[in-house]
Protein backbone atom coordinates (compact mmCIF):
# COMPACT_ATOMS: atom_id res chain seq x y z
CA UNK A 1 0.09 -0.08 -0.07
CA UNK A 2 1.39 3.43 -1.10
CA UNK A 3 1.72 6.25 1.12
CA UNK A 4 1.87 9.85 0.28
CA UNK A 5 2.33 12.96 2.56
CA UNK A 6 2.54 16.55 1.22
CA UNK A 7 3.29 19.39 3.59
CA UNK A 8 1.63 17.15 6.59
CA UNK A 9 1.43 18.66 10.03
CA UNK A 10 -0.36 16.92 13.03
CA UNK A 11 -1.06 17.61 16.50
CA UNK A 12 -1.09 15.12 19.56
CA UNK A 13 -4.52 14.88 20.62
CA UNK A 14 -3.71 15.76 24.29
CA UNK A 15 -1.51 18.73 23.45
CA UNK A 16 -2.18 21.80 25.10
CA UNK A 17 -3.50 24.81 23.44
CA UNK A 18 -0.88 26.55 21.92
CA UNK A 19 1.44 24.03 21.93
CA UNK A 20 3.83 23.54 18.58
CA UNK A 21 2.70 20.59 16.07
CA UNK A 22 4.00 17.21 17.03
CA UNK A 23 4.65 17.13 13.08
CA UNK A 24 5.78 20.16 11.36
CA UNK A 25 5.01 20.30 7.41
CA UNK A 26 6.86 17.43 5.92
CA UNK A 27 6.88 15.72 2.74
CA UNK A 28 7.22 11.73 2.72
CA UNK A 29 6.39 9.18 -0.10
CA UNK A 30 6.44 5.36 0.57
CA UNK A 31 6.04 2.84 -1.99
CA UNK A 32 3.85 -0.12 -2.19
CA UNK A 33 5.74 -3.27 -0.51
CA UNK A 34 8.69 -0.57 0.66
CA UNK A 35 10.13 -1.27 4.46
CA UNK A 36 11.20 1.58 5.99
CA UNK A 37 12.59 2.51 9.67
CA UNK A 38 11.86 5.72 11.46
CA UNK A 39 14.38 6.99 13.87
CA UNK A 40 14.98 9.89 16.13
CA UNK A 41 14.95 10.89 19.59
CA UNK A 42 12.06 10.91 22.30
CA UNK A 43 9.49 13.67 21.23
CA UNK A 44 10.86 13.64 17.49
CA UNK A 45 7.18 12.86 16.35
CA UNK A 46 7.45 9.18 15.67
CA UNK A 47 4.39 7.77 17.26
CA UNK A 48 2.25 10.74 15.79
CA UNK A 49 3.38 9.86 12.39
CA UNK A 50 2.31 6.32 12.56
CA UNK A 51 -0.97 7.11 14.19
CA UNK A 52 -1.32 9.60 11.22
CA UNK A 53 -0.64 6.76 8.76
CA UNK A 54 -3.03 4.32 10.32
CA UNK A 55 -5.77 6.94 9.82
CA UNK A 56 -6.25 7.30 13.79
CA UNK A 57 -5.35 10.95 13.99
CA UNK A 58 -6.35 13.64 11.07
CA UNK A 59 -3.99 15.88 9.63
CA UNK A 60 -3.92 19.45 11.09
CA UNK A 61 -2.78 20.58 7.57
CA UNK A 62 -1.58 19.15 4.28
CA UNK A 63 -2.55 15.98 2.20
CA UNK A 64 -2.45 12.44 3.07
CA UNK A 65 -2.87 9.79 0.68
CA UNK A 66 -3.16 5.87 1.72
CA UNK A 67 -3.44 3.63 -1.14
CA UNK A 68 -4.08 6.62 -3.44
CA UNK A 69 -7.02 7.67 -1.54
CA UNK A 70 -7.52 10.91 1.09
CA UNK A 71 -8.98 8.67 3.92
CA UNK A 72 -10.68 11.69 5.91
CA UNK A 73 -12.48 12.78 2.87
CA UNK A 74 -14.07 9.08 2.76
CA UNK A 75 -17.60 8.51 4.06
CA UNK A 76 -17.40 6.97 7.76
CA UNK A 77 -18.01 3.26 6.35
CA UNK A 78 -15.13 3.52 3.79
CA UNK A 79 -12.99 5.18 6.06
CA UNK A 80 -13.44 1.79 8.46
CA UNK A 81 -12.68 -0.38 5.51
CA UNK A 82 -9.83 1.45 4.66
CA UNK A 83 -8.57 0.84 8.41
CA UNK A 84 -9.38 -2.84 8.16
CA UNK A 85 -6.36 -2.99 5.41
CA UNK A 86 -4.09 -1.36 7.92
CA UNK A 87 -2.31 -3.20 10.84
CA UNK A 88 -1.01 -0.89 13.85
CA UNK A 89 0.81 -2.59 16.40
CA UNK A 90 1.15 -0.07 19.36
CA UNK A 91 4.18 -0.55 21.60
CA UNK A 92 1.89 -1.90 24.37
CA UNK A 93 -0.43 -4.34 22.72
CA UNK A 94 -3.76 -4.41 23.20
CA UNK A 95 -4.22 -7.62 24.74
CA UNK A 96 -6.97 -8.52 27.24
CA UNK A 97 -5.03 -9.93 30.19
CA UNK A 98 -7.52 -13.17 30.83
CA UNK A 99 -7.23 -14.12 26.92
CA UNK A 100 -4.88 -16.98 25.56
CA UNK A 101 -2.28 -16.23 23.36
CA UNK A 102 -4.09 -18.46 20.40
CA UNK A 103 -7.22 -16.13 20.66
CA UNK A 104 -4.82 -13.11 20.95
CA UNK A 105 -3.10 -13.61 17.62
CA UNK A 106 -6.18 -14.99 15.92
CA UNK A 107 -7.79 -11.59 16.71
CA UNK A 108 -5.62 -10.13 13.82
CA UNK A 109 -7.82 -11.93 11.59
CA UNK A 110 -11.05 -9.84 12.99
CA UNK A 111 -11.09 -7.09 9.79
CA UNK A 112 -11.59 -9.79 7.38
CA UNK A 113 -14.71 -11.88 9.48
CA UNK A 114 -18.52 -10.86 9.61
CA UNK A 115 -19.90 -10.05 13.24
CA UNK A 116 -20.92 -13.63 13.97
CA UNK A 117 -17.75 -15.35 12.68
CA UNK A 118 -15.71 -12.65 14.61
CA UNK A 119 -17.65 -13.67 17.96
CA UNK A 120 -17.28 -17.25 17.20
CA UNK A 121 -13.32 -16.85 16.47
CA UNK A 122 -13.06 -14.98 19.91
CA UNK A 123 -14.45 -17.93 21.84
CA UNK A 124 -13.42 -20.84 19.59
CA UNK A 125 -10.51 -19.95 17.30
CA UNK A 126 -11.17 -21.45 14.02
CA UNK A 127 -7.66 -21.80 12.42
CA UNK A 128 -5.26 -23.01 16.00
CA UNK A 129 -2.43 -24.09 13.19
CA UNK A 130 -2.18 -20.84 11.65
CA UNK A 131 -2.00 -18.96 15.33
CA UNK A 132 0.63 -21.69 16.25
CA UNK A 133 2.67 -20.92 13.07
CA UNK A 134 2.59 -17.33 13.63
CA UNK A 135 3.59 -17.45 17.24
CA UNK A 136 6.31 -20.04 16.54
CA UNK A 137 7.66 -17.41 13.97
CA UNK A 138 8.55 -15.33 17.13
CA UNK A 139 9.73 -17.94 19.25
CA UNK A 140 6.28 -18.30 21.13
CA UNK A 141 5.11 -21.52 19.86
CA UNK A 142 5.15 -23.12 23.16
CA UNK A 143 3.03 -20.23 24.47
CA UNK A 144 -0.07 -21.18 22.30
CA UNK A 145 -2.73 -21.64 25.06
CA UNK A 146 -0.92 -19.36 27.88
CA UNK A 147 -2.95 -17.07 29.48
CA UNK A 148 -1.75 -13.14 28.30
CA UNK A 149 -1.50 -12.32 32.02
CA UNK A 150 1.28 -14.82 32.45
CA UNK A 151 3.34 -13.70 29.89
CA UNK A 152 6.23 -11.20 30.45
CA UNK A 153 6.13 -7.85 28.52
CA UNK A 154 8.67 -8.84 25.76
CA UNK A 155 6.27 -12.07 25.16
CA UNK A 156 3.21 -9.94 25.15
CA UNK A 157 5.05 -7.42 22.60
CA UNK A 158 5.76 -10.58 20.29
CA UNK A 159 2.21 -11.98 20.32
CA UNK A 160 1.26 -8.36 19.14
CA UNK A 161 3.50 -8.64 16.35
CA UNK A 162 2.64 -12.44 15.46
CA UNK A 163 -0.91 -10.80 14.87
CA UNK A 164 0.24 -9.05 11.74
CA UNK A 165 0.95 -12.46 10.02
CA UNK A 166 -2.54 -13.21 10.19
CA UNK A 167 -4.10 -9.65 9.60
CA UNK A 168 -5.59 -8.99 5.95
CA UNK A 169 -3.53 -6.03 5.97
CA UNK A 170 -1.36 -4.51 3.23
CA UNK A 171 0.26 -2.13 5.62
CA UNK A 172 2.08 -2.61 8.87
CA UNK A 173 2.69 0.19 11.06
CA UNK A 174 4.73 -0.99 14.26
CA UNK A 175 5.53 1.43 17.16
CA UNK A 176 8.77 0.31 18.99
CA UNK A 177 8.31 -3.24 18.73
CA UNK A 178 11.67 -4.17 20.22
CA UNK A 179 11.37 -1.98 23.53
CA UNK A 180 10.62 -4.84 25.97
CA UNK A 181 13.06 -7.46 24.29
CA UNK A 182 16.85 -8.45 25.12
CA UNK A 183 19.25 -8.14 21.83
CA UNK A 184 19.08 -11.63 20.72
CA UNK A 185 14.98 -11.69 20.94
CA UNK A 186 15.17 -8.15 19.25
CA UNK A 187 16.91 -9.26 16.30
CA UNK A 188 15.05 -12.50 15.87
CA UNK A 189 11.64 -10.36 15.98
CA UNK A 190 12.61 -7.78 13.61
CA UNK A 191 14.34 -10.22 11.15
CA UNK A 192 10.97 -12.05 11.01
CA UNK A 193 8.96 -8.95 10.72
CA UNK A 194 10.93 -7.47 7.72
CA UNK A 195 11.37 -10.77 5.88
CA UNK A 196 7.60 -11.55 6.11
CA UNK A 197 7.05 -7.87 4.87
CA UNK A 198 9.18 -8.63 2.12
CA UNK A 199 8.07 -11.71 1.18
CA UNK A 200 4.39 -10.95 1.11
CA UNK A 201 5.02 -7.41 -0.62
CA UNK A 202 3.46 -5.47 2.56
CA UNK A 203 4.51 -2.31 3.24
CA UNK A 204 6.26 -1.83 6.51
CA UNK A 205 6.83 1.36 8.68
CA UNK A 206 8.52 0.86 11.94
CA UNK A 207 9.63 3.49 14.53
CA UNK A 208 12.83 1.93 16.26
CA UNK A 209 14.65 3.09 19.25
CA UNK A 210 17.50 0.49 18.66
CA UNK A 211 19.45 2.41 15.65
CA UNK A 212 21.51 -0.60 14.91
CA UNK A 213 18.59 -2.72 14.08
CA UNK A 214 17.27 -0.12 11.81
CA UNK A 215 20.50 0.14 9.96
CA UNK A 216 20.82 -3.59 9.71
CA UNK A 217 17.23 -4.76 8.71
CA UNK A 218 16.07 -1.87 6.48
CA UNK A 219 17.04 -0.55 3.27
CA UNK A 220 15.68 2.95 3.66
CA UNK A 221 15.84 4.98 7.25
CA UNK A 222 14.03 8.24 8.07
CA UNK A 223 15.15 10.61 10.78
CA UNK A 224 12.82 12.86 12.57
CA UNK A 225 13.88 15.66 14.92
CA UNK A 226 11.53 18.03 16.90
CA UNK A 227 8.74 16.97 14.26
CA UNK A 228 10.68 17.67 11.34
CA UNK A 229 12.34 15.54 8.71
CA UNK A 230 16.01 15.38 9.26
CA UNK A 231 16.94 12.89 6.78
CA UNK A 232 15.40 10.36 4.40
CA UNK A 233 18.27 8.08 3.20
CA UNK A 234 19.28 4.53 2.32
CA UNK A 235 20.76 2.93 5.28
CA UNK A 236 24.10 2.51 3.72
CA UNK A 237 24.19 6.34 3.60
CA UNK A 238 23.45 6.99 7.17
CA UNK A 239 26.72 7.83 8.61
CA UNK A 240 27.77 8.44 12.31
CA UNK A 241 27.75 12.14 11.83
CA UNK A 242 24.16 12.30 10.58
CA UNK A 243 23.51 10.24 13.82
CA UNK A 244 25.14 12.60 15.92
CA UNK A 245 23.29 15.37 14.66
CA UNK A 246 20.15 13.74 14.97
CA UNK A 247 20.62 12.84 18.50
CA UNK A 248 22.07 15.90 19.60
CA UNK A 249 21.54 16.56 23.20
CA UNK A 250 19.95 12.99 23.37
CA UNK A 251 23.29 10.96 22.96
CA UNK A 252 22.07 8.52 25.68
CA UNK A 253 19.30 7.32 23.49
CA UNK A 254 21.87 6.95 20.65
CA UNK A 255 24.10 4.95 22.74
CA UNK A 256 21.61 3.16 24.94
CA UNK A 257 20.79 -0.64 24.56
CA UNK A 258 17.36 -1.86 24.63
CA UNK A 259 16.23 -2.74 28.04
CA UNK A 260 16.37 -6.62 28.85
CA UNK A 261 13.20 -8.54 28.49
CA UNK A 262 11.83 -8.97 31.98
CA UNK A 263 10.63 -12.10 33.87
CA UNK A 264 6.80 -12.86 33.87
CA UNK A 265 6.69 -12.40 37.68
CA UNK A 266 7.98 -9.14 37.34
CA UNK A 267 6.04 -7.88 34.25
CA UNK A 268 3.70 -5.20 34.83
CA UNK A 269 -0.01 -5.85 34.02
CA UNK A 270 -0.66 -5.45 30.26
CA UNK A 271 -2.26 -2.18 29.37
CA UNK A 272 -5.96 -2.63 28.11
CA UNK A 273 -6.36 -0.64 24.94
CA UNK A 274 -9.05 -0.13 22.30
CA UNK A 275 -8.22 -0.99 18.82
CA UNK A 276 -9.28 1.05 16.04
């Protein structure tokens, strides 16, 4: 699915009156089937950009086209159908705590199902082998029937990513998918995600805190700072000097390693969120 942003700016819904926009006017084009990493220091506007692309946040100015159409000019029913072709994975996956992993992953297919089939699937997953295969790609095959609230934060994060493999989506939007993973699991997870997107011809846009992962796994890297486009380059052209300018006064984020995955007993309770 192709993405075209022309002089786009956006405000965070919770921003105070008079606050500067989270995204300043920027131009960006992402071809269908392309995989792009978005990097930048905290507060750069990365998550706001993803929510904009997911048609969850209207632009304050400029033009957004998703798959060749302007989503906010569509009738509500058509907008909902378009959202059904997108997959947004927030940093904290919206997984009901008492749900089994098999049901949580199978929920990725809900946009393609009717009402009664959706309700039946939530109670009795119809394709357990597919759910197992998706979980196994992220090293969680043995957690198929585990309850979500008994998984660690990193395991819940990987369950959220496994949903993408069952979703009827042509665009995957993934926000900080490695934040709760140790380096080994992070490499495996991002390698699986990018590899599956390439195989399927699915457009993937991922925000990443781990700059080394972005450069190693993505052919194209976009740098954001203070809501503005700092660079948009092939990964091989992103030099240390560019990174140092991008993360100036945030050097600890450039140098910092991702946190280790916590044990299940120490994991915080999963946040209950609403899917759009």
